[in-house]
N, C-alpha and C. Protein backbone atom coordinates (compact mmCIF):
# COMPACT_ATOMS: atom_id res chain seq x y z
N MET A 1 -10.07 6.35 16.82
CA MET A 1 -9.60 5.06 16.03
C MET A 1 -7.87 4.62 16.83
N SER A 2 -7.96 3.48 17.02
CA SER A 2 -6.70 3.09 17.29
C SER A 2 -5.85 2.70 16.23
N PRO A 3 -4.44 2.93 16.19
CA PRO A 3 -3.60 2.42 15.21
C PRO A 3 -3.78 1.26 14.60
N SER A 4 -3.59 0.89 13.48
CA SER A 4 -3.68 -0.62 13.07
C SER A 4 -2.69 -0.83 12.30
N LEU A 5 -2.29 -2.35 12.10
CA LEU A 5 -0.84 -2.37 11.35
C LEU A 5 -1.27 -2.16 9.71
N PHE A 6 -0.35 -1.86 8.71
CA PHE A 6 -0.82 -1.12 7.71
C PHE A 6 -2.03 -0.37 7.50
N GLN A 7 -2.24 0.47 8.30
CA GLN A 7 -3.47 0.98 7.89
C GLN A 7 -3.41 2.28 7.07
N TYR A 8 -2.17 2.47 6.44
CA TYR A 8 -1.97 3.50 5.24
C TYR A 8 -2.27 2.52 4.04
N LEU A 9 -1.95 1.42 4.08
CA LEU A 9 -1.94 0.36 2.63
C LEU A 9 -3.44 0.10 2.40
N ILE A 10 -4.23 -0.19 3.60
CA ILE A 10 -5.80 -0.78 3.66
C ILE A 10 -6.65 0.30 3.83
N LEU A 11 -6.61 1.39 4.39
CA LEU A 11 -7.66 2.23 4.57
C LEU A 11 -8.16 3.14 3.55
N PRO A 12 -7.21 3.85 3.01
CA PRO A 12 -7.59 5.07 1.88
C PRO A 12 -7.79 4.22 0.67
N SER A 13 -8.67 4.89 -0.16
CA SER A 13 -9.09 4.15 -1.20
C SER A 13 -8.10 4.45 -2.14
N ASP A 14 -7.91 3.24 -3.23
CA ASP A 14 -6.93 3.45 -4.41
C ASP A 14 -7.46 4.10 -5.32
N ALA A 15 -8.71 4.34 -5.43
CA ALA A 15 -9.21 5.08 -6.51
C ALA A 15 -9.42 6.40 -6.64
N GLU A 16 -9.73 6.62 -5.11
CA GLU A 16 -10.05 7.99 -4.80
C GLU A 16 -9.33 8.56 -3.56
N GLY A 17 -8.98 9.74 -3.42
CA GLY A 17 -8.52 9.93 -1.84
C GLY A 17 -6.74 10.49 -2.43
N VAL A 18 -6.20 10.93 -1.23
CA VAL A 18 -5.27 11.71 -1.15
C VAL A 18 -3.95 11.32 -0.28
N TYR A 19 -2.92 11.14 -0.60
CA TYR A 19 -1.80 10.89 0.03
C TYR A 19 -0.71 12.26 0.24
N LEU A 20 -0.71 12.59 1.23
CA LEU A 20 0.52 13.65 1.50
C LEU A 20 1.90 13.57 1.57
N PRO A 21 2.53 14.34 1.11
CA PRO A 21 3.98 14.12 1.30
C PRO A 21 4.43 14.61 2.87
N THR A 22 3.68 14.10 3.65
CA THR A 22 3.98 14.77 5.14
C THR A 22 3.91 13.28 6.11
N ASP A 23 4.53 13.20 7.13
CA ASP A 23 4.61 12.12 8.22
C ASP A 23 3.61 12.36 9.29
N PHE A 24 2.66 11.54 9.27
CA PHE A 24 1.69 11.80 10.17
C PHE A 24 1.26 10.54 10.78
N ALA A 25 0.68 10.07 12.10
CA ALA A 25 0.90 9.02 12.94
C ALA A 25 -0.55 8.08 12.47
N GLN A 26 -1.59 8.70 12.23
CA GLN A 26 -2.80 7.96 11.67
C GLN A 26 -3.41 8.83 10.68
N VAL A 27 -4.07 8.01 9.83
CA VAL A 27 -4.87 8.25 8.48
C VAL A 27 -5.95 9.03 9.31
N ILE A 28 -6.14 10.35 8.58
CA ILE A 28 -7.16 11.33 8.39
C ILE A 28 -8.48 11.07 8.05
N PHE A 29 -9.70 10.99 8.66
CA PHE A 29 -10.93 10.83 8.33
C PHE A 29 -11.34 12.23 8.03
N ASP A 30 -12.16 12.62 6.79
CA ASP A 30 -12.55 13.43 6.49
C ASP A 30 -14.17 13.52 6.64
N GLY A 31 -14.79 13.80 7.55
CA GLY A 31 -16.16 13.80 7.99
C GLY A 31 -17.14 14.76 7.49
N ALA A 32 -16.68 15.63 6.33
CA ALA A 32 -17.37 16.41 5.59
C ALA A 32 -18.72 15.97 5.04
N GLN A 33 -19.91 16.73 4.95
CA GLN A 33 -20.93 16.20 4.52
C GLN A 33 -21.53 17.09 3.74
N PRO A 34 -21.97 16.91 2.40
CA PRO A 34 -21.40 16.00 1.63
C PRO A 34 -20.13 15.69 1.58
N GLN A 35 -19.55 14.44 1.16
CA GLN A 35 -18.23 14.28 1.18
C GLN A 35 -17.78 15.03 -0.06
N ARG A 36 -16.19 15.29 0.41
CA ARG A 36 -15.61 16.15 -0.74
C ARG A 36 -14.93 15.29 -1.89
N ASP A 37 -15.26 15.81 -3.08
CA ASP A 37 -14.91 15.11 -4.45
C ASP A 37 -13.44 14.79 -4.29
N GLY A 38 -12.84 13.71 -4.68
CA GLY A 38 -11.66 13.30 -4.43
C GLY A 38 -10.70 12.85 -3.28
N ILE A 39 -11.26 13.17 -2.30
CA ILE A 39 -10.90 12.97 -1.07
C ILE A 39 -11.07 11.46 -0.57
N GLY A 40 -12.37 10.83 -0.95
CA GLY A 40 -12.57 9.48 -0.56
C GLY A 40 -12.78 9.31 1.02
N GLY A 41 -13.06 10.40 1.57
CA GLY A 41 -13.23 10.38 3.22
C GLY A 41 -11.95 10.24 4.04
N MET A 42 -10.78 10.18 3.54
CA MET A 42 -9.76 9.65 4.08
C MET A 42 -8.31 10.34 3.39
N VAL A 43 -7.45 10.71 4.27
CA VAL A 43 -6.04 11.48 3.64
C VAL A 43 -5.05 10.53 4.49
N GLY A 44 -4.19 10.02 3.55
CA GLY A 44 -2.78 9.45 4.08
C GLY A 44 -1.61 10.17 4.02
N SER A 45 -0.68 9.53 4.64
CA SER A 45 0.58 9.88 4.75
C SER A 45 1.58 9.12 3.79
N ALA A 46 2.12 9.63 2.89
CA ALA A 46 2.92 8.65 1.89
C ALA A 46 3.99 8.44 2.43
N PRO A 47 5.12 9.19 3.17
CA PRO A 47 6.09 8.54 4.04
C PRO A 47 5.67 7.05 4.79
N ARG A 48 4.44 7.36 5.49
CA ARG A 48 3.89 6.15 6.16
C ARG A 48 3.54 4.89 5.28
N LEU A 49 2.95 5.34 4.34
CA LEU A 49 2.60 4.23 3.33
C LEU A 49 3.94 3.37 2.52
N LEU A 50 4.91 4.36 2.30
CA LEU A 50 6.22 3.79 1.76
C LEU A 50 6.75 3.03 2.95
N LYS A 51 6.61 3.30 4.15
CA LYS A 51 7.26 2.39 5.06
C LYS A 51 6.54 1.24 5.28
N GLU A 52 5.31 1.33 5.27
CA GLU A 52 4.40 -0.11 5.40
C GLU A 52 4.64 -1.06 4.14
N CYS A 53 4.83 -0.50 2.85
CA CYS A 53 5.11 -1.24 1.89
C CYS A 53 6.59 -1.87 1.90
N LEU A 54 7.68 -1.21 2.20
CA LEU A 54 8.67 -1.95 2.73
C LEU A 54 8.74 -2.89 3.67
N THR A 55 7.91 -2.57 4.90
CA THR A 55 7.82 -3.63 5.84
C THR A 55 7.22 -4.80 4.98
N LEU A 56 6.03 -4.72 4.52
CA LEU A 56 5.54 -6.08 3.98
C LEU A 56 6.50 -6.69 2.58
N ALA A 57 7.52 -5.94 1.94
CA ALA A 57 8.07 -6.25 0.91
C ALA A 57 9.29 -7.20 1.62
N ARG A 58 9.87 -6.71 2.83
CA ARG A 58 10.80 -7.46 3.65
C ARG A 58 10.23 -8.89 4.31
N PHE A 59 8.86 -8.80 4.74
CA PHE A 59 8.43 -9.87 5.11
C PHE A 59 8.08 -11.12 4.30
N ILE A 60 7.85 -10.70 2.94
CA ILE A 60 7.62 -11.59 1.94
C ILE A 60 8.81 -11.99 0.92
N ASN A 61 9.93 -11.46 1.48
CA ASN A 61 11.11 -11.34 0.81
C ASN A 61 11.29 -10.91 -0.74
N LEU A 62 10.42 -9.80 -0.75
CA LEU A 62 10.47 -9.12 -2.15
C LEU A 62 11.75 -8.40 -2.53
N PRO A 63 12.74 -8.80 -3.62
CA PRO A 63 13.57 -8.00 -3.75
C PRO A 63 13.31 -6.55 -3.96
N LEU A 64 13.89 -5.53 -3.31
CA LEU A 64 13.53 -4.21 -3.59
C LEU A 64 14.03 -3.55 -4.90
N ASP A 65 14.83 -4.44 -5.28
CA ASP A 65 15.40 -3.99 -6.84
C ASP A 65 14.97 -4.52 -7.89
N ILE A 66 13.90 -5.40 -7.95
CA ILE A 66 13.37 -5.95 -9.14
C ILE A 66 12.50 -5.09 -10.18
N ASP A 67 12.57 -5.59 -11.30
CA ASP A 67 12.12 -4.52 -12.24
C ASP A 67 10.71 -5.09 -12.41
N ILE A 68 9.79 -4.17 -11.93
CA ILE A 68 8.25 -4.71 -12.09
C ILE A 68 7.72 -5.11 -13.37
N GLU A 69 8.40 -5.00 -14.52
CA GLU A 69 8.03 -5.26 -15.67
C GLU A 69 9.09 -6.47 -16.34
N SER A 70 9.90 -6.94 -15.36
CA SER A 70 10.69 -8.06 -15.92
C SER A 70 9.92 -9.32 -16.31
N GLU A 71 10.78 -10.27 -16.89
CA GLU A 71 10.17 -11.41 -17.48
C GLU A 71 9.65 -12.25 -16.24
N GLU A 72 10.53 -12.36 -15.19
CA GLU A 72 10.28 -12.67 -13.78
C GLU A 72 9.14 -12.72 -13.14
N MET A 73 8.87 -11.31 -13.27
CA MET A 73 7.48 -10.79 -12.87
C MET A 73 6.28 -11.24 -13.18
N TRP A 74 6.31 -11.10 -14.79
CA TRP A 74 5.27 -11.62 -15.54
C TRP A 74 5.02 -13.18 -15.40
N ASP A 75 6.34 -13.92 -15.22
CA ASP A 75 6.07 -15.50 -15.11
C ASP A 75 5.50 -15.53 -13.65
N VAL A 76 5.63 -14.83 -12.84
CA VAL A 76 5.13 -15.15 -11.59
C VAL A 76 3.50 -14.77 -11.46
N VAL A 77 3.41 -13.92 -12.06
CA VAL A 77 1.90 -13.38 -12.24
C VAL A 77 1.13 -14.32 -12.97
N ASP A 78 1.82 -14.88 -14.25
CA ASP A 78 0.86 -15.61 -15.32
C ASP A 78 0.72 -17.20 -14.46
N ASP A 79 2.00 -17.52 -13.92
CA ASP A 79 1.87 -18.97 -13.40
C ASP A 79 2.63 -18.85 -12.11
N PRO A 80 1.97 -18.76 -10.96
CA PRO A 80 2.53 -18.69 -9.67
C PRO A 80 2.90 -19.91 -9.19
N PRO A 81 4.11 -20.36 -8.63
CA PRO A 81 4.49 -21.59 -8.00
C PRO A 81 3.56 -21.82 -6.86
N SER A 82 3.39 -22.92 -6.30
CA SER A 82 2.92 -23.74 -5.17
C SER A 82 3.97 -23.55 -3.86
N GLN A 83 5.03 -23.46 -4.18
CA GLN A 83 6.10 -23.29 -2.97
C GLN A 83 7.58 -22.18 -3.41
N GLY A 84 8.06 -21.84 -2.43
CA GLY A 84 9.11 -21.02 -2.91
C GLY A 84 9.08 -19.60 -2.15
N GLU A 85 9.71 -18.56 -2.74
CA GLU A 85 9.54 -17.32 -2.13
C GLU A 85 8.38 -17.03 -1.75
N LEU A 86 8.04 -16.23 -0.73
CA LEU A 86 6.78 -15.95 -0.49
C LEU A 86 6.03 -14.76 -1.79
N TRP A 87 6.96 -13.84 -1.84
CA TRP A 87 6.37 -13.02 -2.87
C TRP A 87 5.96 -13.57 -4.39
N LYS A 88 6.39 -15.11 -4.68
CA LYS A 88 5.93 -15.69 -5.85
C LYS A 88 4.80 -16.47 -5.57
N ILE A 89 4.71 -16.72 -4.62
CA ILE A 89 3.38 -17.84 -4.42
C ILE A 89 2.07 -16.89 -3.93
């Protein structure tokens, strides 16, 4: 499989799977049959996932110091504006 943009954010399951605190270039696919419980068929790199999340945050101008429980965040979730900062729309 060739590397793809945001592979660590997109490929591994968010409900099942493993992210290791190790930096490796591509998502590891577990081909065990039957599939091993809890792995979800893929193993991701936590440092690479963080890098992808920070890249995406910069792209949409998301303030890195924003409090995810702040009123501003809840206001955007409840009633997103039609224009303005990319992270809000």
